[in-house]
PDB file of N, CA and C in Angstrom:
ATOM      1  N   MET A   1      -1.596  -7.817  -2.001  1.00  0.00           N
ATOM      2  CA  MET A   1      -2.265  -6.414  -2.855  1.00  0.00           C
ATOM      3  C   MET A   1      -1.812  -5.668  -3.532  1.00  0.00           C
ATOM      4  N   PRO A   2      -1.347  -5.113  -4.535  1.00  0.00           N
ATOM      5  CA  PRO A   2      -0.505  -4.076  -4.955  1.00  0.00           C
ATOM      6  C   PRO A   2      -1.941  -2.521  -4.249  1.00  0.00           C
ATOM      7  N   ASN A   3      -1.296  -2.106  -4.200  1.00  0.00           N
ATOM      8  CA  ASN A   3      -2.664  -0.973  -3.656  1.00  0.00           C
ATOM      9  C   ASN A   3      -3.277  -0.627  -3.074  1.00  0.00           C
ATOM     10  N   PRO A   4      -3.152  -1.328  -1.978  1.00  0.00           N
ATOM     11  CA  PRO A   4      -4.072  -1.849  -0.552  1.00  0.00           C
ATOM     12  C   PRO A   4      -5.041  -0.696  -0.241  1.00  0.00           C
ATOM     13  N   ILE A   5      -5.531  -0.823   1.084  1.00  0.00           N
ATOM     14  CA  ILE A   5      -6.945  -0.088   1.147  1.00  0.00           C
ATOM     15  C   ILE A   5      -6.044   0.195   2.852  1.00  0.00           C
ATOM     16  N   ALA A   6      -6.252   1.213   2.769  1.00  0.00           N
ATOM     17  CA  ALA A   6      -5.200   1.410   4.221  1.00  0.00           C
ATOM     18  C   ALA A   6      -5.765   2.789   5.029  1.00  0.00           C
ATOM     19  N   HIS A   7      -7.044   3.563   5.073  1.00  0.00           N
ATOM     20  CA  HIS A   7      -7.993   4.417   5.541  1.00  0.00           C
ATOM     21  C   HIS A   7      -9.371   3.987   5.322  1.00  0.00           C
ATOM     22  N   PHE A   8     -10.162   4.661   6.150  1.00  0.00           N
ATOM     23  CA  PHE A   8     -11.301   4.441   6.034  1.00  0.00           C
ATOM     24  C   PHE A   8     -11.588   5.701   6.803  1.00  0.00           C
ATOM     25  N   GLU A   9     -13.468   6.571   6.236  1.00  0.00           N
ATOM     26  CA  GLU A   9     -13.793   7.671   6.725  1.00  0.00           C
ATOM     27  C   GLU A   9     -14.760   7.640   7.065  1.00  0.00           C
ATOM     28  N   ILE A  10     -15.497   7.961   8.042  1.00  0.00           N
ATOM     29  CA  ILE A  10     -16.749   8.156   8.118  1.00  0.00           C
ATOM     30  C   ILE A  10     -17.595   9.496   8.238  1.00  0.00           C
ATOM     31  N   ILE A  11     -17.841  10.785   8.098  1.00  0.00           N
ATOM     32  CA  ILE A  11     -18.062  11.732   7.925  1.00  0.00           C
ATOM     33  C   ILE A  11     -19.720  11.548   8.431  1.00  0.00           C
ATOM     34  N   GLY A  12     -19.777  12.619   9.430  1.00  0.00           N
ATOM     35  CA  GLY A  12     -21.652  12.940   9.916  1.00  0.00           C
ATOM     36  C   GLY A  12     -21.386  13.741   9.732  1.00  0.00           C
ATOM     37  N   LYS A  13     -22.769  14.344   9.983  1.00  0.00           N
ATOM     38  CA  LYS A  13     -23.423  15.732  10.242  1.00  0.00           C
ATOM     39  C   LYS A  13     -22.273  16.376  10.822  1.00  0.00           C
ATOM     40  N   ASP A  14     -23.510  15.378  12.651  1.00  0.00           N
ATOM     41  CA  ASP A  14     -23.014  15.587  13.747  1.00  0.00           C
ATOM     42  C   ASP A  14     -21.850  15.128  14.004  1.00  0.00           C
ATOM     43  N   GLY A  15     -20.670  15.331  14.093  1.00  0.00           N
ATOM     44  CA  GLY A  15     -19.255  14.744  14.020  1.00  0.00           C
ATOM     45  C   GLY A  15     -19.323  14.077  16.126  1.00  0.00           C
ATOM     46  N   ASP A  16     -19.080  14.532  16.776  1.00  0.00           N
ATOM     47  CA  ASP A  16     -19.267  13.920  18.009  1.00  0.00           C
ATOM     48  C   ASP A  16     -20.693  12.806  18.116  1.00  0.00           C
ATOM     49  N   LYS A  17     -21.613  12.963  17.484  1.00  0.00           N
ATOM     50  CA  LYS A  17     -22.697  12.028  17.859  1.00  0.00           C
ATOM     51  C   LYS A  17     -21.920  10.803  16.765  1.00  0.00           C
ATOM     52  N   THR A  18     -22.017  11.444  15.419  1.00  0.00           N
ATOM     53  CA  THR A  18     -20.913   9.695  14.320  1.00  0.00           C
ATOM     54  C   THR A  18     -19.548   9.414  15.303  1.00  0.00           C
ATOM     55  N   LYS A  19     -19.233   9.575  16.278  1.00  0.00           N
ATOM     56  CA  LYS A  19     -17.825   9.044  16.963  1.00  0.00           C
ATOM     57  C   LYS A  19     -18.706   8.628  18.006  1.00  0.00           C
ATOM     58  N   GLN A  20     -19.881   8.984  18.917  1.00  0.00           N
ATOM     59  CA  GLN A  20     -19.744   8.499  19.990  1.00  0.00           C
ATOM     60  C   GLN A  20     -20.970   6.825  19.504  1.00  0.00           C
ATOM     61  N   PHE A  21     -21.739   7.131  18.024  1.00  0.00           N
ATOM     62  CA  PHE A  21     -22.249   6.071  17.642  1.00  0.00           C
ATOM     63  C   PHE A  21     -21.442   4.895  17.421  1.00  0.00           C
ATOM     64  N   PHE A  22     -20.271   5.179  16.563  1.00  0.00           N
ATOM     65  CA  PHE A  22     -19.193   3.817  16.916  1.00  0.00           C
ATOM     66  C   PHE A  22     -18.534   3.176  17.728  1.00  0.00           C
ATOM     67  N   ALA A  23     -18.022   4.635  18.084  1.00  0.00           N
ATOM     68  CA  ALA A  23     -17.584   4.245  19.466  1.00  0.00           C
ATOM     69  C   ALA A  23     -18.488   2.705  20.420  1.00  0.00           C
ATOM     70  N   ASP A  24     -19.755   3.562  20.837  1.00  0.00           N
ATOM     71  CA  ASP A  24     -20.656   2.681  21.277  1.00  0.00           C
ATOM     72  C   ASP A  24     -20.921   1.252  21.078  1.00  0.00           C
ATOM     73  N   LEU A  25     -21.232   0.855  19.133  1.00  0.00           N
ATOM     74  CA  LEU A  25     -21.974  -0.221  18.156  1.00  0.00           C
ATOM     75  C   LEU A  25     -20.477  -1.426  18.256  1.00  0.00           C
ATOM     76  N   PHE A  26     -19.243  -0.281  18.434  1.00  0.00           N
ATOM     77  CA  PHE A  26     -18.163  -1.412  18.103  1.00  0.00           C
ATOM     78  C   PHE A  26     -17.118  -1.311  18.962  1.00  0.00           C
ATOM     79  N   GLY A  27     -17.175  -0.529  20.142  1.00  0.00           N
ATOM     80  CA  GLY A  27     -16.081  -0.832  20.977  1.00  0.00           C
ATOM     81  C   GLY A  27     -14.566  -0.143  20.732  1.00  0.00           C
ATOM     82  N   TRP A  28     -15.073   0.618  19.777  1.00  0.00           N
ATOM     83  CA  TRP A  28     -13.529   1.404  19.072  1.00  0.00           C
ATOM     84  C   TRP A  28     -13.293   2.440  19.971  1.00  0.00           C
ATOM     85  N   SER A  29     -11.944   2.698  19.713  1.00  0.00           N
ATOM     86  CA  SER A  29     -11.298   3.614  20.952  1.00  0.00           C
ATOM     87  C   SER A  29     -11.477   4.573  19.365  1.00  0.00           C
ATOM     88  N   ILE A  30     -11.572   5.666  19.692  1.00  0.00           N
ATOM     89  CA  ILE A  30     -11.387   7.064  18.956  1.00  0.00           C
ATOM     90  C   ILE A  30     -10.898   8.332  19.652  1.00  0.00           C
ATOM     91  N   ASP A  31      -9.757   8.353  19.200  1.00  0.00           N
ATOM     92  CA  ASP A  31      -9.061   9.705  19.823  1.00  0.00           C
ATOM     93  C   ASP A  31      -9.358  10.968  19.306  1.00  0.00           C
ATOM     94  N   SER A  32      -9.819  11.779  19.412  1.00  0.00           N
ATOM     95  CA  SER A  32      -9.705  13.520  18.895  1.00  0.00           C
ATOM     96  C   SER A  32      -9.187  13.993  19.354  1.00  0.00           C
ATOM     97  N   SER A  33      -8.031  14.210  19.809  1.00  0.00           N
ATOM     98  CA  SER A  33      -6.431  15.138  20.884  1.00  0.00           C
ATOM     99  C   SER A  33      -6.100  15.657  19.765  1.00  0.00           C
ATOM    100  N   ASN A  34      -6.904  16.528  18.348  1.00  0.00           N
ATOM    101  CA  ASN A  34      -5.682  17.334  17.501  1.00  0.00           C
ATOM    102  C   ASN A  34      -6.774  18.288  17.180  1.00  0.00           C
ATOM    103  N   PRO A  35      -6.697  18.881  16.690  1.00  0.00           N
ATOM    104  CA  PRO A  35      -6.559  20.723  16.610  1.00  0.00           C
ATOM    105  C   PRO A  35      -8.436  20.631  15.511  1.00  0.00           C
ATOM    106  N   MET A  36      -8.095  19.528  14.838  1.00  0.00           N
ATOM    107  CA  MET A  36      -9.234  19.152  14.222  1.00  0.00           C
ATOM    108  C   MET A  36     -10.699  18.441  14.743  1.00  0.00           C
ATOM    109  N   SER A  37     -10.209  17.655  15.753  1.00  0.00           N
ATOM    110  CA  SER A  37     -11.070  16.917  16.559  1.00  0.00           C
ATOM    111  C   SER A  37     -11.043  15.756  14.944  1.00  0.00           C
ATOM    112  N   TYR A  38     -10.558  15.252  14.985  1.00  0.00           N
ATOM    113  CA  TYR A  38     -11.066  14.657  13.750  1.00  0.00           C
ATOM    114  C   TYR A  38     -10.307  13.421  14.771  1.00  0.00           C
ATOM    115  N   GLY A  39     -11.522  12.242  14.443  1.00  0.00           N
ATOM    116  CA  GLY A  39     -11.084  10.962  15.186  1.00  0.00           C
ATOM    117  C   GLY A  39     -10.481   9.632  14.593  1.00  0.00           C
ATOM    118  N   LEU A  40      -9.577   9.967  14.929  1.00  0.00           N
ATOM    119  CA  LEU A  40      -8.459   8.751  14.872  1.00  0.00           C
ATOM    120  C   LEU A  40      -8.692   7.300  15.357  1.00  0.00           C
ATOM    121  N   VAL A  41      -8.986   6.036  14.563  1.00  0.00           N
ATOM    122  CA  VAL A  41      -9.936   4.822  15.047  1.00  0.00           C
ATOM    123  C   VAL A  41      -8.110   4.086  14.514  1.00  0.00           C
ATOM    124  N   ASP A  42      -7.162   3.665  15.099  1.00  0.00           N
ATOM    125  CA  ASP A  42      -5.984   2.878  15.359  1.00  0.00           C
ATOM    126  C   ASP A  42      -6.243   0.971  15.288  1.00  0.00           C
ATOM    127  N   PRO A  43      -6.444   0.328  14.515  1.00  0.00           N
ATOM    128  CA  PRO A  43      -6.136  -1.022  14.626  1.00  0.00           C
ATOM    129  C   PRO A  43      -5.427  -1.531  15.641  1.00  0.00           C
ATOM    130  N   GLY A  44      -4.506  -0.841  15.568  1.00  0.00           N
ATOM    131  CA  GLY A  44      -3.227  -1.741  16.536  1.00  0.00           C
ATOM    132  C   GLY A  44      -3.696  -1.427  18.152  1.00  0.00           C
ATOM    133  N   SER A  45      -4.714  -0.995  18.155  1.00  0.00           N
ATOM    134  CA  SER A  45      -5.320  -0.476  19.902  1.00  0.00           C
ATOM    135  C   SER A  45      -5.772  -1.926  19.843  1.00  0.00           C
ATOM    136  N   THR A  46      -6.691  -2.746  18.778  1.00  0.00           N
ATOM    137  CA  THR A  46      -7.496  -3.725  19.139  1.00  0.00           C
ATOM    138  C   THR A  46      -6.328  -5.159  19.765  1.00  0.00           C
ATOM    139  N   ALA A  47      -6.690  -6.171  20.250  1.00  0.00           N
ATOM    140  CA  ALA A  47      -6.124  -7.143  20.522  1.00  0.00           C
ATOM    141  C   ALA A  47      -5.327  -7.632  19.487  1.00  0.00           C
ATOM    142  N   ASP A  48      -5.876  -8.223  18.886  1.00  0.00           N
ATOM    143  CA  ASP A  48      -5.223  -8.692  17.376  1.00  0.00           C
ATOM    144  C   ASP A  48      -4.453  -7.787  16.230  1.00  0.00           C
ATOM    145  N   GLY A  49      -5.125  -6.619  16.545  1.00  0.00           N
ATOM    146  CA  GLY A  49      -3.912  -5.647  15.772  1.00  0.00           C
ATOM    147  C   GLY A  49      -4.287  -5.867  14.278  1.00  0.00           C
ATOM    148  N   ARG A  50      -5.912  -6.868  13.945  1.00  0.00           N
ATOM    149  CA  ARG A  50      -6.417  -6.595  12.511  1.00  0.00           C
ATOM    150  C   ARG A  50      -6.898  -4.939  12.552  1.00  0.00           C
ATOM    151  N   GLY A  51      -7.429  -5.123  11.274  1.00  0.00           N
ATOM    152  CA  GLY A  51      -8.128  -4.106  10.695  1.00  0.00           C
ATOM    153  C   GLY A  51      -6.852  -2.898   9.680  1.00  0.00           C
ATOM    154  N   ILE A  52      -7.733  -1.969   9.474  1.00  0.00           N
ATOM    155  CA  ILE A  52      -7.402  -0.777   9.158  1.00  0.00           C
ATOM    156  C   ILE A  52      -7.158   0.278   9.281  1.00  0.00           C
ATOM    157  N   ALA A  53      -6.666   1.811   9.777  1.00  0.00           N
ATOM    158  CA  ALA A  53      -6.861   2.828  10.342  1.00  0.00           C
ATOM    159  C   ALA A  53      -7.897   3.793   9.947  1.00  0.00           C
ATOM    160  N   GLY A  54      -8.592   4.151  10.259  1.00  0.00           N
ATOM    161  CA  GLY A  54      -9.818   5.664   9.613  1.00  0.00           C
ATOM    162  C   GLY A  54      -9.580   6.434  10.611  1.00  0.00           C
ATOM    163  N   GLY A  55     -10.706   7.296  10.213  1.00  0.00           N
ATOM    164  CA  GLY A  55     -10.862   8.359  10.859  1.00  0.00           C
ATOM    165  C   GLY A  55     -12.670   8.723  11.148  1.00  0.00           C
ATOM    166  N   ILE A  56     -13.068   9.659  12.139  1.00  0.00           N
ATOM    167  CA  ILE A  56     -14.775   9.578  11.837  1.00  0.00           C
ATOM    168  C   ILE A  56     -14.191  10.770  12.493  1.00  0.00           C
ATOM    169  N   ALA A  57     -15.613  11.985  12.059  1.00  0.00           N
ATOM    170  CA  ALA A  57     -15.385  13.973  11.673  1.00  0.00           C
ATOM    171  C   ALA A  57     -16.962  13.849  11.120  1.00  0.00           C
ATOM    172  N   GLY A  58     -16.914  15.106  11.734  1.00  0.00           N
ATOM    173  CA  GLY A  58     -18.204  15.914  11.265  1.00  0.00           C
ATOM    174  C   GLY A  58     -17.747  16.670  10.208  1.00  0.00           C
ATOM    175  N   ALA A  59     -19.018  16.493   9.490  1.00  0.00           N
ATOM    176  CA  ALA A  59     -19.026  16.887   7.618  1.00  0.00           C
ATOM    177  C   ALA A  59     -18.483  18.340   7.816  1.00  0.00           C
ATOM    178  N   MET A  60     -18.091  19.059   6.571  1.00  0.00           N
ATOM    179  CA  MET A  60     -18.209  21.021   6.768  1.00  0.00           C
ATOM    180  C   MET A  60     -19.932  20.867   7.027  1.00  0.00           C
ATOM    181  N   GLU A  61     -19.944  22.218   7.581  1.00  0.00           N
ATOM    182  CA  GLU A  61     -21.371  22.792   7.437  1.00  0.00           C
ATOM    183  C   GLU A  61     -21.996  23.096   6.152  1.00  0.00           C
ATOM    184  N   GLY A  62     -23.350  22.360   5.965  1.00  0.00           N
ATOM    185  CA  GLY A  62     -24.583  22.231   4.745  1.00  0.00           C
ATOM    186  C   GLY A  62     -23.727  21.624   4.042  1.00  0.00           C
ATOM    187  N   THR A  63     -22.832  20.335   4.520  1.00  0.00           N
ATOM    188  CA  THR A  63     -22.691  19.164   3.841  1.00  0.00           C
ATOM    189  C   THR A  63     -22.879  17.704   4.062  1.00  0.00           C
ATOM    190  N   ASP A  64     -23.547  17.059   3.025  1.00  0.00           N
ATOM    191  CA  ASP A  64     -24.385  15.616   4.030  1.00  0.00           C
ATOM    192  C   ASP A  64     -22.191  15.053   4.195  1.00  0.00           C
ATOM    193  N   GLY A  65     -23.015  13.975   5.355  1.00  0.00           N
ATOM    194  CA  GLY A  65     -21.507  13.298   5.600  1.00  0.00           C
ATOM    195  C   GLY A  65     -21.385  11.946   4.539  1.00  0.00           C
ATOM    196  N   TYR A  66     -21.113  10.699   4.583  1.00  0.00           N
ATOM    197  CA  TYR A  66     -20.134   9.974   3.460  1.00  0.00           C
ATOM    198  C   TYR A  66     -19.101   8.940   4.402  1.00  0.00           C
ATOM    199  N   VAL A  67     -18.953   8.082   3.474  1.00  0.00           N
ATOM    200  CA  VAL A  67     -18.380   7.039   3.795  1.00  0.00           C
ATOM    201  C   VAL A  67     -17.600   7.091   2.616  1.00  0.00           C
ATOM    202  N   THR A  68     -15.881   6.823   2.984  1.00  0.00           N
ATOM    203  CA  THR A  68     -15.062   6.624   1.634  1.00  0.00           C
ATOM    204  C   THR A  68     -14.131   5.130   2.542  1.00  0.00           C
ATOM    205  N   VAL A  69     -13.202   5.007   1.093  1.00  0.00           N
ATOM    206  CA  VAL A  69     -12.005   4.206   1.535  1.00  0.00           C
ATOM    207  C   VAL A  69     -11.295   5.074   0.882  1.00  0.00           C
ATOM    208  N   TYR A  70      -9.942   4.807   1.232  1.00  0.00           N
ATOM    209  CA  TYR A  70      -8.400   5.105   1.346  1.00  0.00           C
ATOM    210  C   TYR A  70      -7.768   4.099   0.331  1.00  0.00           C
ATOM    211  N   VAL A  71      -7.364   3.785  -1.112  1.00  0.00           N
ATOM    212  CA  VAL A  71      -6.653   3.504  -1.276  1.00  0.00           C
ATOM    213  C   VAL A  71      -5.233   4.277  -1.149  1.00  0.00           C
ATOM    214  N   GLU A  72      -4.110   3.436  -1.039  1.00  0.00           N
ATOM    215  CA  GLU A  72      -2.377   3.527  -1.151  1.00  0.00           C
ATOM    216  C   GLU A  72      -1.858   3.509  -2.471  1.00  0.00           C
ATOM    217  N   VAL A  73      -1.304   4.755  -2.772  1.00  0.00           N
ATOM    218  CA  VAL A  73      -1.110   4.309  -4.146  1.00  0.00           C
ATOM    219  C   VAL A  73       0.007   5.097  -3.757  1.00  0.00           C
ATOM    220  N   PRO A  74       1.553   4.996  -4.932  1.00  0.00           N
ATOM    221  CA  PRO A  74       2.378   6.188  -4.750  1.00  0.00           C
ATOM    222  C   PRO A  74       2.483   6.852  -5.398  1.00  0.00           C
ATOM    223  N   ASP A  75       1.351   7.564  -6.143  1.00  0.00           N
ATOM    224  CA  ASP A  75       1.551   8.974  -6.959  1.00  0.00           C
ATOM    225  C   ASP A  75       0.153   9.184  -6.807  1.00  0.00           C
ATOM    226  N   VAL A  76      -0.583  10.541  -6.156  1.00  0.00           N
ATOM    227  CA  VAL A  76      -2.079  10.640  -5.647  1.00  0.00           C
ATOM    228  C   VAL A  76      -2.402  11.709  -7.588  1.00  0.00           C
ATOM    229  N   GLU A  77      -1.310  12.578  -7.794  1.00  0.00           N
ATOM    230  CA  GLU A  77      -1.859  13.076  -9.311  1.00  0.00           C
ATOM    231  C   GLU A  77      -2.091  11.584 -10.277  1.00  0.00           C
ATOM    232  N   ALA A  78      -0.959  11.213 -10.475  1.00  0.00           N
ATOM    233  CA  ALA A  78      -0.909   9.722 -11.383  1.00  0.00           C
ATOM    234  C   ALA A  78      -2.572   8.958 -11.368  1.00  0.00           C
ATOM    235  N   SER A  79      -2.557   8.606 -10.136  1.00  0.00           N
ATOM    236  CA  SER A  79      -3.743   7.456 -10.003  1.00  0.00           C
ATOM    237  C   SER A  79      -4.661   8.458 -10.138  1.00  0.00           C
ATOM    238  N   LEU A  80      -5.559   9.484  -9.835  1.00  0.00           N
ATOM    239  CA  LEU A  80      -6.666  10.492 -10.182  1.00  0.00           C
ATOM    240  C   LEU A  80      -6.672  10.708 -11.927  1.00  0.00           C
ATOM    241  N   ALA A  81      -5.386  11.270 -12.687  1.00  0.00           N
ATOM    242  CA  ALA A  81      -5.681  11.617 -13.693  1.00  0.00           C
ATOM    243  C   ALA A  81      -6.150  10.456 -14.805  1.00  0.00           C
ATOM    244  N   GLN A  82      -4.866   8.618 -13.745  1.00  0.00           N
ATOM    245  CA  GLN A  82      -5.413   7.765 -14.576  1.00  0.00           C
ATOM    246  C   GLN A  82      -7.541   7.131 -14.212  1.00  0.00           C
ATOM    247  N   ALA A  83      -8.295   7.453 -13.021  1.00  0.00           N
ATOM    248  CA  ALA A  83      -9.576   7.678 -12.788  1.00  0.00           C
ATOM    249  C   ALA A  83      -9.712   8.852 -14.302  1.00  0.00           C
ATOM    250  N   GLU A  84      -9.252  10.018 -14.565  1.00  0.00           N
ATOM    251  CA  GLU A  84     -10.260  10.456 -15.099  1.00  0.00           C
ATOM    252  C   GLU A  84     -10.539   9.307 -16.166  1.00  0.00           C
ATOM    253  N   GLN A  85      -8.977   9.382 -17.072  1.00  0.00           N
ATOM    254  CA  GLN A  85      -9.236   8.507 -18.392  1.00  0.00           C
ATOM    255  C   GLN A  85      -9.756   7.367 -18.168  1.00  0.00           C
ATOM    256  N   LEU A  86     -10.201   6.855 -17.373  1.00  0.00           N
ATOM    257  CA  LEU A  86     -10.971   5.495 -17.059  1.00  0.00           C
ATOM    258  C   LEU A  86     -12.401   5.639 -16.815  1.00  0.00           C
ATOM    259  N   GLY A  87     -12.774   6.893 -16.623  1.00  0.00           N
ATOM    260  CA  GLY A  87     -13.684   7.200 -16.905  1.00  0.00           C
ATOM    261  C   GLY A  87     -15.072   8.048 -15.545  1.00  0.00           C
ATOM    262  N   GLY A  88     -13.937   7.902 -14.436  1.00  0.00           N
ATOM    263  CA  GLY A  88     -14.464   8.724 -13.592  1.00  0.00           C
ATOM    264  C   GLY A  88     -14.211  10.302 -13.361  1.00  0.00           C
ATOM    265  N   SER A  89     -14.549  10.574 -12.097  1.00  0.00           N
ATOM    266  CA  SER A  89     -14.150  12.446 -12.241  1.00  0.00           C
ATOM    267  C   SER A  89     -13.456  12.691 -10.767  1.00  0.00           C
ATOM    268  N   ARG A  90     -12.453  13.796 -11.119  1.00  0.00           N
ATOM    269  CA  ARG A  90     -11.501  13.923  -9.775  1.00  0.00           C
ATOM    270  C   ARG A  90     -12.423  14.958  -9.044  1.00  0.00           C
ATOM    271  N   LEU A  91     -12.388  15.147  -8.084  1.00  0.00           N
ATOM    272  CA  LEU A  91     -13.082  15.582  -6.588  1.00  0.00           C
ATOM    273  C   LEU A  91     -12.499  16.539  -6.040  1.00  0.00           C
ATOM    274  N   PHE A  92     -11.387  16.212  -5.624  1.00  0.00           N
ATOM    275  CA  PHE A  92      -9.960  17.134  -5.203  1.00  0.00           C
ATOM    276  C   PHE A  92      -8.832  16.191  -4.515  1.00  0.00           C
ATOM    277  N   GLY A  93      -8.272  17.313  -4.732  1.00  0.00           N
ATOM    278  CA  GLY A  93      -6.597  17.218  -4.783  1.00  0.00           C
ATOM    279  C   GLY A  93      -5.558  16.694  -5.855  1.00  0.00           C
ATOM    280  N   PRO A  94      -4.259  16.534  -5.756  1.00  0.00           N
ATOM    281  CA  PRO A  94      -4.030  16.314  -4.362  1.00  0.00           C
ATOM    282  C   PRO A  94      -3.999  17.609  -3.820  1.00  0.00           C
ATOM    283  N   GLU A  95      -3.715  16.868  -2.660  1.00  0.00           N
ATOM    284  CA  GLU A  95      -3.855  17.668  -1.131  1.00  0.00           C
ATOM    285  C   GLU A  95      -2.944  17.209  -0.319  1.00  0.00           C
ATOM    286  N   THR A  96      -1.600  17.809  -0.181  1.00  0.00           N
ATOM    287  CA  THR A  96      -1.094  17.650   1.540  1.00  0.00           C
ATOM    288  C   THR A  96      -1.578  18.155   1.696  1.00  0.00           C
ATOM    289  N   ILE A  97      -1.980  16.833   3.157  1.00  0.00           N
ATOM    290  CA  ILE A  97      -2.922  17.291   4.628  1.00  0.00           C
ATOM    291  C   ILE A  97      -1.832  16.648   5.770  1.00  0.00           C
ATOM    292  N   MET A  98      -0.958  16.675   5.310  1.00  0.00           N
ATOM    293  CA  MET A  98       0.045  17.169   6.186  1.00  0.00           C
ATOM    294  C   MET A  98       1.304  16.488   6.252  1.00  0.00           C
ATOM    295  N   GLU A  99       2.615  16.517   6.843  1.00  0.00           N
ATOM    296  CA  GLU A  99       3.444  16.259   6.477  1.00  0.00           C
ATOM    297  C   GLU A  99       3.765  14.841   5.676  1.00  0.00           C
ATOM    298  N   GLY A 100       4.046  14.580   4.153  1.00  0.00           N
ATOM    299  CA  GLY A 100       4.379  13.708   3.519  1.00  0.00           C
ATOM    300  C   GLY A 100       3.068  12.543   3.751  1.00  0.00           C
ATOM    301  N   VAL A 101       1.662  13.036   3.835  1.00  0.00           N
ATOM    302  CA  VAL A 101       0.599  12.927   3.387  1.00  0.00           C
ATOM    303  C   VAL A 101      -0.089  13.281   2.671  1.00  0.00           C
ATOM    304  N   THR A 102      -0.512  12.816   1.538  1.00  0.00           N
ATOM    305  CA  THR A 102      -0.891  13.474   0.103  1.00  0.00           C
ATOM    306  C   THR A 102      -2.221  12.682   0.330  1.00  0.00           C
ATOM    307  N   ILE A 103      -3.548  12.775  -0.324  1.00  0.00           N
ATOM    308  CA  ILE A 103      -4.648  12.246  -0.740  1.00  0.00           C
ATOM    309  C   ILE A 103      -5.120  13.304  -1.948  1.00  0.00           C
ATOM    310  N   GLY A 104      -6.523  12.597  -1.929  1.00  0.00           N
ATOM    311  CA  GLY A 104      -7.407  13.007  -3.619  1.00  0.00           C
ATOM    312  C   GLY A 104      -8.254  12.282  -3.239  1.00  0.00           C
ATOM    313  N   LEU A 105      -9.412  12.713  -4.038  1.00  0.00           N
ATOM    314  CA  LEU A 105     -10.894  12.221  -4.266  1.00  0.00           C
ATOM    315  C   LEU A 105     -11.323  12.390  -5.621  1.00  0.00           C
ATOM    316  N   PHE A 106     -11.708  10.739  -5.846  1.00  0.00           N
ATOM    317  CA  PHE A 106     -12.657  10.832  -7.325  1.00  0.00           C
ATOM    318  C   PHE A 106     -13.913  10.129  -7.178  1.00  0.00           C
ATOM    319  N   THR A 107     -14.355   9.870  -7.966  1.00  0.00           N
ATOM    320  CA  THR A 107     -15.430   9.134  -8.120  1.00  0.00           C
ATOM    321  C   THR A 107     -15.778   7.910  -9.497  1.00  0.00           C
ATOM    322  N   GLU A 108     -15.960   7.244  -9.280  1.00  0.00           N
ATOM    323  CA  GLU A 108     -15.782   6.309 -10.448  1.00  0.00           C
ATOM    324  C   GLU A 108     -17.018   5.982 -11.277  1.00  0.00           C
ATOM    325  N   PRO A 109     -16.993   5.816 -12.570  1.00  0.00           N
ATOM    326  CA  PRO A 109     -17.675   5.808 -13.274  1.00  0.00           C
ATOM    327  C   PRO A 109     -19.588   5.765 -12.806  1.00  0.00           C
ATOM    328  N   GLU A 110     -19.656   5.084 -12.452  1.00  0.00           N
ATOM    329  CA  GLU A 110     -20.908   4.977 -11.647  1.00  0.00           C
ATOM    330  C   GLU A 110     -21.344   5.888 -10.189  1.00  0.00           C
ATOM    331  N   GLY A 111     -20.438   6.668  -9.913  1.00  0.00           N
ATOM    332  CA  GLY A 111     -20.664   8.063  -8.998  1.00  0.00           C
ATOM    333  C   GLY A 111     -20.241   7.892  -8.008  1.00  0.00           C
ATOM    334  N   LYS A 112     -19.556   6.766  -7.715  1.00  0.00           N
ATOM    335  CA  LYS A 112     -19.221   5.965  -5.965  1.00  0.00           C
ATOM    336  C   LYS A 112     -17.987   6.826  -5.210  1.00  0.00           C
ATOM    337  N   THR A 113     -17.575   7.527  -4.135  1.00  0.00           N
ATOM    338  CA  THR A 113     -16.573   8.447  -3.747  1.00  0.00           C
ATOM    339  C   THR A 113     -15.494   7.317  -3.716  1.00  0.00           C
ATOM    340  N   ILE A 114     -14.306   7.410  -4.063  1.00  0.00           N
ATOM    341  CA  ILE A 114     -12.922   6.894  -3.177  1.00  0.00           C
ATOM    342  C   ILE A 114     -11.684   7.513  -3.662  1.00  0.00           C
ATOM    343  N   GLY A 115     -11.137   7.255  -2.138  1.00  0.00           N
ATOM    344  CA  GLY A 115     -10.136   8.218  -1.838  1.00  0.00           C
ATOM    345  C   GLY A 115      -8.915   7.654  -2.167  1.00  0.00           C
ATOM    346  N   VAL A 116      -7.581   8.113  -2.900  1.00  0.00           N
ATOM    347  CA  VAL A 116      -6.100   7.701  -2.619  1.00  0.00           C
ATOM    348  C   VAL A 116      -5.403   8.698  -1.619  1.00  0.00           C
ATOM    349  N   LEU A 117      -4.832   7.791  -1.376  1.00  0.00           N
ATOM    350  CA  LEU A 117      -3.400   7.634  -0.449  1.00  0.00           C
ATOM    351  C   LEU A 117      -2.084   7.783  -0.259  1.00  0.00           C
ATOM    352  N   GLN A 118      -1.158   9.091  -0.647  1.00  0.00           N
ATOM    353  CA  GLN A 118       0.079   8.286  -0.762  1.00  0.00           C
ATOM    354  C   GLN A 118       0.645   8.848   0.770  1.00  0.00           C
ATOM    355  N   ALA A 119       1.652   7.983   1.293  1.00  0.00           N
ATOM    356  CA  ALA A 119       2.129   7.891   2.706  1.00  0.00           C
ATOM    357  C   ALA A 119       3.593   8.140   2.729  1.00  0.00           C
ATOM    358  N   PRO A 120       4.315   8.987   3.503  1.00  0.00           N
ATOM    359  CA  PRO A 120       5.626   8.988   3.412  1.00  0.00           C
ATOM    360  C   PRO A 120       5.934   7.000   3.190  1.00  0.00           C
ATOM    361  N   ALA A 121       6.901   7.737   2.706  1.00  0.00           N
ATOM    362  CA  ALA A 121       7.767   6.058   2.122  1.00  0.00           C
ATOM    363  C   ALA A 121       7.951   5.277   3.802  1.00  0.00           C
ATOM    364  N   SER A 122       8.626   3.904   4.464  1.00  0.00           N
ATOM    365  CA  SER A 122       9.031   3.355   5.033  1.00  0.00           C
ATOM    366  C   SER A 122      10.014   3.729   5.376  1.00  0.00           C
ATOM    367  N   SER A 123      10.657   3.701   6.118  1.00  0.00           N
ATOM    368  CA  SER A 123      12.278   3.150   6.804  1.00  0.00           C
ATOM    369  C   SER A 123      12.398   2.156   7.180  1.00  0.00           C
TER     370      SER A 123
END
């Protein structure tokens, strides 16, 4: 499949409670040992390695939580521009969030939020 879903994100009003809920419900190992306390879920930590990587965290103050998926694309700006041409609306980006990783968010014509992600090329 071209442009696979590469990442999911679950953001709750209370990040710690949200992380604990999904850890308890699904047995996910969530690593929040980073400066932003962004909980990383790695499918490589499962016995069969199935699934996609994701993140669980708290929402910015005053905002609601959300769930979205990120589709891997070769060019975030081009994908956001194409989404706009097709009737979507850009919400955010492109923004480089760490070395080699750029993201953007848009809503599709019915208002659902979708993310796009450009990762570093594998060697």
